[in-house]
C-alpha atoms as a PDB file:
ATOM      1  CA  MET A   1    -185.925 -21.395  12.245  1.00  0.00           C
ATOM      2  CA  ALA A   2    -185.167 -19.412  15.125  1.00  0.00           C
ATOM      3  CA  GLU A   3    -182.064 -17.289  15.596  1.00  0.00           C
ATOM      4  CA  GLY A   4    -179.168 -19.526  16.878  1.00  0.00           C
ATOM      5  CA  ASP A   5    -180.574 -22.709  15.516  1.00  0.00           C
ATOM      6  CA  SER A   6    -177.813 -24.761  13.873  1.00  0.00           C
ATOM      7  CA  HIS A   7    -178.468 -26.176  10.515  1.00  0.00           C
ATOM      8  CA  PRO A   8    -176.298 -27.678   7.754  1.00  0.00           C
ATOM      9  CA  PRO A   9    -174.990 -25.210   5.073  1.00  0.00           C
ATOM     10  CA  PHE A  10    -176.607 -27.468   2.352  1.00  0.00           C
ATOM     11  CA  LEU A  11    -179.705 -29.836   2.266  1.00  0.00           C
ATOM     12  CA  VAL A  12    -180.356 -32.603  -0.258  1.00  0.00           C
ATOM     13  CA  VAL A  13    -183.262 -31.862  -2.364  1.00  0.00           C
ATOM     14  CA  GLY A  14    -183.127 -34.430  -5.195  1.00  0.00           C
ATOM     15  CA  HIS A  15    -181.507 -37.537  -6.596  1.00  0.00           C
ATOM     16  CA  LEU A  16    -180.453 -38.006 -10.180  1.00  0.00           C
ATOM     17  CA  ASN A  17    -181.584 -41.687 -10.816  1.00  0.00           C
ATOM     18  CA  LYS A  18    -180.660 -42.275 -14.501  1.00  0.00           C
ATOM     19  CA  ALA A  19    -180.136 -40.758 -18.001  1.00  0.00           C
ATOM     20  CA  HIS A  20    -183.186 -40.486 -20.142  1.00  0.00           C
ATOM     21  CA  GLY A  21    -183.102 -40.427 -23.917  1.00  0.00           C
ATOM     22  CA  LYS A  22    -180.131 -39.304 -26.100  1.00  0.00           C
ATOM     23  CA  LYS A  23    -180.186 -35.389 -25.268  1.00  0.00           C
ATOM     24  CA  GLY A  24    -178.706 -35.252 -21.769  1.00  0.00           C
ATOM     25  CA  GLU A  25    -181.864 -35.465 -19.782  1.00  0.00           C
ATOM     26  CA  LEU A  26    -181.949 -37.321 -16.456  1.00  0.00           C
ATOM     27  CA  PHE A  27    -184.691 -38.554 -14.336  1.00  0.00           C
ATOM     28  CA  LEU A  28    -184.667 -36.646 -11.008  1.00  0.00           C
ATOM     29  CA  TRP A  29    -186.352 -38.013  -7.930  1.00  0.00           C
ATOM     30  CA  PRO A  30    -187.433 -35.113  -5.675  1.00  0.00           C
ATOM     31  CA  LEU A  31    -186.489 -35.337  -1.786  1.00  0.00           C
ATOM     32  CA  THR A  32    -188.311 -32.140  -0.853  1.00  0.00           C
ATOM     33  CA  ASP A  33    -191.849 -31.219   0.100  1.00  0.00           C
ATOM     34  CA  HIS A  34    -191.364 -28.115  -2.245  1.00  0.00           C
ATOM     35  CA  PRO A  35    -190.079 -29.508  -5.630  1.00  0.00           C
ATOM     36  CA  HIS A  36    -191.572 -26.678  -7.699  1.00  0.00           C
ATOM     37  CA  SER A  37    -189.341 -24.008  -6.093  1.00  0.00           C
ATOM     38  CA  HIS A  38    -186.123 -26.091  -6.483  1.00  0.00           C
ATOM     39  CA  PHE A  39    -186.685 -27.741  -9.934  1.00  0.00           C
ATOM     40  CA  VAL A  40    -187.116 -24.720 -12.213  1.00  0.00           C
ATOM     41  CA  PRO A  41    -185.050 -23.371 -15.183  1.00  0.00           C
ATOM     42  CA  GLY A  42    -182.125 -21.373 -13.701  1.00  0.00           C
ATOM     43  CA  ALA A  43    -181.872 -22.950 -10.459  1.00  0.00           C
ATOM     44  CA  VAL A  44    -178.552 -24.014  -9.357  1.00  0.00           C
ATOM     45  CA  HIS A  45    -177.850 -27.237  -7.694  1.00  0.00           C
ATOM     46  CA  HIS A  46    -174.625 -28.708  -6.262  1.00  0.00           C
ATOM     47  CA  PRO A  47    -173.769 -32.346  -6.864  1.00  0.00           C
ATOM     48  CA  GLY A  48    -173.108 -34.069  -3.528  1.00  0.00           C
ATOM     49  CA  ASP A  49    -169.762 -35.477  -2.574  1.00  0.00           C
ATOM     50  CA  GLU A  50    -169.402 -39.200  -1.478  1.00  0.00           C
ATOM     51  CA  SER A  51    -171.149 -38.352   1.974  1.00  0.00           C
ATOM     52  CA  SER A  52    -173.892 -36.264   0.086  1.00  0.00           C
ATOM     53  CA  GLU A  53    -173.614 -33.909   3.037  1.00  0.00           C
ATOM     54  CA  ARG A  54    -171.378 -31.298   1.104  1.00  0.00           C
ATOM     55  CA  PRO A  55    -170.987 -30.159  -2.433  1.00  0.00           C
ATOM     56  CA  SER A  56    -168.390 -32.252  -4.418  1.00  0.00           C
ATOM     57  CA  LEU A  57    -165.139 -30.269  -5.042  1.00  0.00           C
ATOM     58  CA  ALA A  58    -164.574 -32.446  -8.146  1.00  0.00           C
ATOM     59  CA  LEU A  59    -167.888 -31.487  -9.971  1.00  0.00           C
ATOM     60  CA  PRO A  60    -169.210 -27.924 -10.968  1.00  0.00           C
ATOM     61  CA  ALA A  61    -172.507 -26.644  -9.930  1.00  0.00           C
ATOM     62  CA  LEU A  62    -175.337 -27.607 -12.099  1.00  0.00           C
ATOM     63  CA  THR A  63    -177.785 -25.073 -13.400  1.00  0.00           C
ATOM     64  CA  ILE A  64    -181.249 -26.294 -14.792  1.00  0.00           C
ATOM     65  CA  GLU A  65    -181.736 -25.611 -18.538  1.00  0.00           C
ATOM     66  CA  SER A  66    -185.135 -27.207 -18.729  1.00  0.00           C
ATOM     67  CA  VAL A  67    -187.491 -29.411 -16.591  1.00  0.00           C
ATOM     68  CA  ARG A  68    -190.664 -31.199 -17.049  1.00  0.00           C
ATOM     69  CA  PRO A  69    -192.875 -33.540 -14.931  1.00  0.00           C
ATOM     70  CA  PHE A  70    -192.243 -37.242 -15.625  1.00  0.00           C
ATOM     71  CA  ARG A  71    -193.972 -39.994 -13.604  1.00  0.00           C
ATOM     72  CA  LYS A  72    -193.359 -39.307  -9.814  1.00  0.00           C
ATOM     73  CA  GLY A  73    -190.495 -36.977 -10.590  1.00  0.00           C
ATOM     74  CA  PHE A  74    -188.867 -34.673 -13.200  1.00  0.00           C
ATOM     75  CA  LEU A  75    -186.829 -34.965 -16.335  1.00  0.00           C
ATOM     76  CA  VAL A  76    -184.267 -32.270 -16.142  1.00  0.00           C
ATOM     77  CA  ARG A  77    -181.593 -31.120 -18.459  1.00  0.00           C
ATOM     78  CA  PHE A  78    -178.582 -29.116 -17.077  1.00  0.00           C
ATOM     79  CA  GLU A  79    -176.633 -26.482 -18.918  1.00  0.00           C
ATOM     80  CA  GLY A  80    -173.566 -28.169 -20.583  1.00  0.00           C
ATOM     81  CA  VAL A  81    -175.026 -31.639 -20.373  1.00  0.00           C
ATOM     82  CA  GLU A  82    -175.650 -32.188 -24.085  1.00  0.00           C
ATOM     83  CA  ASP A  83    -175.766 -35.991 -24.416  1.00  0.00           C
ATOM     84  CA  ARG A  84    -176.513 -39.269 -22.746  1.00  0.00           C
ATOM     85  CA  GLY A  85    -172.913 -39.866 -22.088  1.00  0.00           C
ATOM     86  CA  ALA A  86    -172.611 -36.561 -20.173  1.00  0.00           C
ATOM     87  CA  ALA A  87    -175.859 -37.465 -18.248  1.00  0.00           C
ATOM     88  CA  GLU A  88    -174.753 -40.870 -17.266  1.00  0.00           C
ATOM     89  CA  GLU A  89    -171.730 -39.202 -15.546  1.00  0.00           C
ATOM     90  CA  LEU A  90    -174.083 -37.652 -13.202  1.00  0.00           C
ATOM     91  CA  ARG A  91    -176.265 -40.714 -12.511  1.00  0.00           C
ATOM     92  CA  GLY A  92    -176.612 -41.587  -8.882  1.00  0.00           C
ATOM     93  CA  LEU A  93    -175.656 -38.165  -7.413  1.00  0.00           C
ATOM     94  CA  TYR A  94    -177.532 -36.319  -4.846  1.00  0.00           C
ATOM     95  CA  LEU A  95    -178.375 -32.520  -5.426  1.00  0.00           C
ATOM     96  CA  LEU A  96    -177.876 -30.002  -2.723  1.00  0.00           C
ATOM     97  CA  ARG A  97    -179.078 -26.528  -2.262  1.00  0.00           C
ATOM     98  CA  PRO A  98    -177.702 -24.012   0.154  1.00  0.00           C
ATOM     99  CA  PHE A  99    -179.712 -23.790   3.286  1.00  0.00           C
ATOM    100  CA  GLU A 100    -180.771 -20.264   2.538  1.00  0.00           C
ATOM    101  CA  ALA A 101    -182.404 -21.408  -0.766  1.00  0.00           C
ATOM    102  CA  ILE A 102    -184.699 -23.845   1.054  1.00  0.00           C
ATOM    103  CA  ASP A 103    -188.279 -22.841   1.609  1.00  0.00           C
ATOM    104  CA  GLU A 104    -189.534 -21.738   5.176  1.00  0.00           C
ATOM    105  CA  LEU A 105    -191.203 -24.472   6.863  1.00  0.00           C
ATOM    106  CA  ASP A 106    -195.121 -24.627   7.262  1.00  0.00           C
ATOM    107  CA  GLU A 107    -196.580 -24.998  10.760  1.00  0.00           C
ATOM    108  CA  GLY A 108    -195.835 -28.435  12.178  1.00  0.00           C
ATOM    109  CA  GLU A 109    -193.125 -29.324   9.447  1.00  0.00           C
ATOM    110  CA  VAL A 110    -189.732 -30.445  10.486  1.00  0.00           C
ATOM    111  CA  PHE A 111    -186.417 -30.754   8.547  1.00  0.00           C
ATOM    112  CA  TYR A 112    -185.121 -34.319   8.665  1.00  0.00           C
ATOM    113  CA  HIS A 113    -181.755 -33.158  10.040  1.00  0.00           C
ATOM    114  CA  GLU A 114    -183.446 -31.788  13.130  1.00  0.00           C
ATOM    115  CA  LEU A 115    -184.801 -35.354  13.876  1.00  0.00           C
ATOM    116  CA  LEU A 116    -181.433 -37.017  13.834  1.00  0.00           C
ATOM    117  CA  GLY A 117    -180.123 -37.495  17.296  1.00  0.00           C
ATOM    118  CA  ALA A 118    -183.222 -36.415  18.910  1.00  0.00           C
ATOM    119  CA  ALA A 119    -184.333 -38.190  22.181  1.00  0.00           C
ATOM    120  CA  VAL A 120    -187.722 -40.188  21.712  1.00  0.00           C
ATOM    121  CA  VAL A 121    -189.933 -40.584  24.651  1.00  0.00           C
ATOM    122  CA  THR A 122    -193.434 -41.737  25.293  1.00  0.00           C
ATOM    123  CA  VAL A 123    -196.133 -39.376  26.579  1.00  0.00           C
ATOM    124  CA  GLU A 124    -195.674 -41.064  30.085  1.00  0.00           C
ATOM    125  CA  GLY A 125    -191.970 -40.015  29.808  1.00  0.00           C
ATOM    126  CA  THR A 126    -190.354 -43.438  29.056  1.00  0.00           C
ATOM    127  CA  LEU A 127    -187.246 -43.162  27.014  1.00  0.00           C
ATOM    128  CA  VAL A 128    -187.534 -45.190  23.860  1.00  0.00           C
ATOM    129  CA  GLY A 129    -184.130 -44.236  22.328  1.00  0.00           C
ATOM    130  CA  GLU A 130    -182.763 -41.731  19.928  1.00  0.00           C
ATOM    131  CA  VAL A 131    -183.462 -41.115  16.185  1.00  0.00           C
ATOM    132  CA  ARG A 132    -180.634 -42.743  14.140  1.00  0.00           C
ATOM    133  CA  GLU A 133    -182.120 -42.343  10.616  1.00  0.00           C
ATOM    134  CA  VAL A 134    -185.248 -40.928   8.829  1.00  0.00           C
ATOM    135  CA  PHE A 135    -186.637 -42.885   5.902  1.00  0.00           C
ATOM    136  CA  PRO A 136    -188.892 -40.839   3.635  1.00  0.00           C
ATOM    137  CA  LEU A 137    -191.515 -43.484   2.611  1.00  0.00           C
ATOM    138  CA  LYS A 138    -195.052 -43.357   1.402  1.00  0.00           C
ATOM    139  CA  PRO A 139    -197.502 -43.339   3.127  1.00  0.00           C
ATOM    140  CA  ALA A 140    -195.525 -42.256   6.109  1.00  0.00           C
ATOM    141  CA  ASP A 141    -191.914 -41.404   6.774  1.00  0.00           C
ATOM    142  CA  LEU A 142    -190.085 -43.839   9.334  1.00  0.00           C
ATOM    143  CA  LEU A 143    -187.962 -42.959  12.195  1.00  0.00           C
ATOM    144  CA  GLN A 144    -185.288 -45.505  13.102  1.00  0.00           C
ATOM    145  CA  VAL A 145    -184.923 -45.355  16.758  1.00  0.00           C
ATOM    146  CA  THR A 146    -182.256 -47.189  18.876  1.00  0.00           C
ATOM    147  CA  GLY A 147    -182.565 -47.424  22.525  1.00  0.00           C
ATOM    148  CA  PRO A 148    -182.185 -49.599  25.594  1.00  0.00           C
ATOM    149  CA  ARG A 149    -184.641 -52.198  24.496  1.00  0.00           C
ATOM    150  CA  GLY A 150    -183.304 -52.332  20.771  1.00  0.00           C
ATOM    151  CA  GLU A 151    -184.280 -50.786  17.581  1.00  0.00           C
ATOM    152  CA  VAL A 152    -187.778 -49.844  16.596  1.00  0.00           C
ATOM    153  CA  MET A 153    -189.307 -48.166  13.563  1.00  0.00           C
ATOM    154  CA  ILE A 154    -191.637 -45.441  14.485  1.00  0.00           C
ATOM    155  CA  PRO A 155    -194.124 -44.054  11.820  1.00  0.00           C
ATOM    156  CA  PHE A 156    -193.848 -40.086  11.597  1.00  0.00           C
ATOM    157  CA  VAL A 157    -197.555 -39.579  11.605  1.00  0.00           C
ATOM    158  CA  ASP A 158    -199.909 -37.384  13.822  1.00  0.00           C
ATOM    159  CA  GLU A 159    -201.418 -40.403  15.409  1.00  0.00           C
ATOM    160  CA  VAL A 160    -198.165 -41.596  16.822  1.00  0.00           C
ATOM    161  CA  VAL A 161    -196.007 -38.499  16.941  1.00  0.00           C
ATOM    162  CA  VAL A 162    -197.830 -36.014  19.394  1.00  0.00           C
ATOM    163  CA  GLU A 163    -194.908 -33.411  19.701  1.00  0.00           C
ATOM    164  CA  PHE A 164    -191.624 -32.327  18.403  1.00  0.00           C
ATOM    165  CA  GLU A 165    -189.416 -29.998  20.489  1.00  0.00           C
ATOM    166  CA  ARG A 166    -186.374 -28.420  18.914  1.00  0.00           C
ATOM    167  CA  GLU A 167    -184.428 -27.509  21.936  1.00  0.00           C
ATOM    168  CA  PRO A 168    -183.304 -29.931  23.096  1.00  0.00           C
ATOM    169  CA  PRO A 169    -184.447 -32.105  20.160  1.00  0.00           C
ATOM    170  CA  ARG A 170    -186.997 -34.526  21.481  1.00  0.00           C
ATOM    171  CA  VAL A 171    -189.836 -36.422  19.793  1.00  0.00           C
ATOM    172  CA  VAL A 172    -192.929 -37.343  22.149  1.00  0.00           C
ATOM    173  CA  ILE A 173    -194.872 -40.347  20.826  1.00  0.00           C
ATOM    174  CA  ASP A 174    -198.112 -41.982  21.783  1.00  0.00           C
ATOM    175  CA  PRO A 175    -197.560 -45.606  20.491  1.00  0.00           C
ATOM    176  CA  PRO A 176    -200.269 -47.923  19.850  1.00  0.00           C
ATOM    177  CA  GLU A 177    -200.167 -51.046  21.959  1.00  0.00           C
ATOM    178  CA  GLY A 178    -197.511 -53.547  20.465  1.00  0.00           C
ATOM    179  CA  MET A 179    -195.570 -51.005  18.729  1.00  0.00           C
ATOM    180  CA  LEU A 180    -192.534 -51.050  21.253  1.00  0.00           C
ATOM    181  CA  PRO A 181    -190.586 -54.069  22.126  1.00  0.00           C
END
């Protein structure tokens, strides 16, 4: 990011879905494009508060003791989490990392938080609305855009999103016929 860009102090990198087995492991769903730099032994994660935007003041930081691939995520064990009961207490939490621990973006990549509130316009300059939410789905992330003509879901793919400008935040789209209301 360029000097002066504002960013949150923490970003969500994973979600603890459920306890696995009896020895304190949890199934972790990665919410990052760079899981292998965040989910390694010794990496420190902060459980999110109710908003999942800041670390919880009620819970200590969690240090990964062991991690192994499992299905489309990972099975992780944190230091001090010794049994299923302790793992169950962490179920449903989002894991945050300090922004400084986040990998640099590759060319053309965008952080989700940069998209929130961005104006969405067509290549002709017609205002479609503002990005309200980003849904990380497969095969494509979806932008929930609210504007003068209502709400529309825009797939965040190269065929539709032709440009993203950071200052001021703006998404330029070339929507196929019938996409917009």
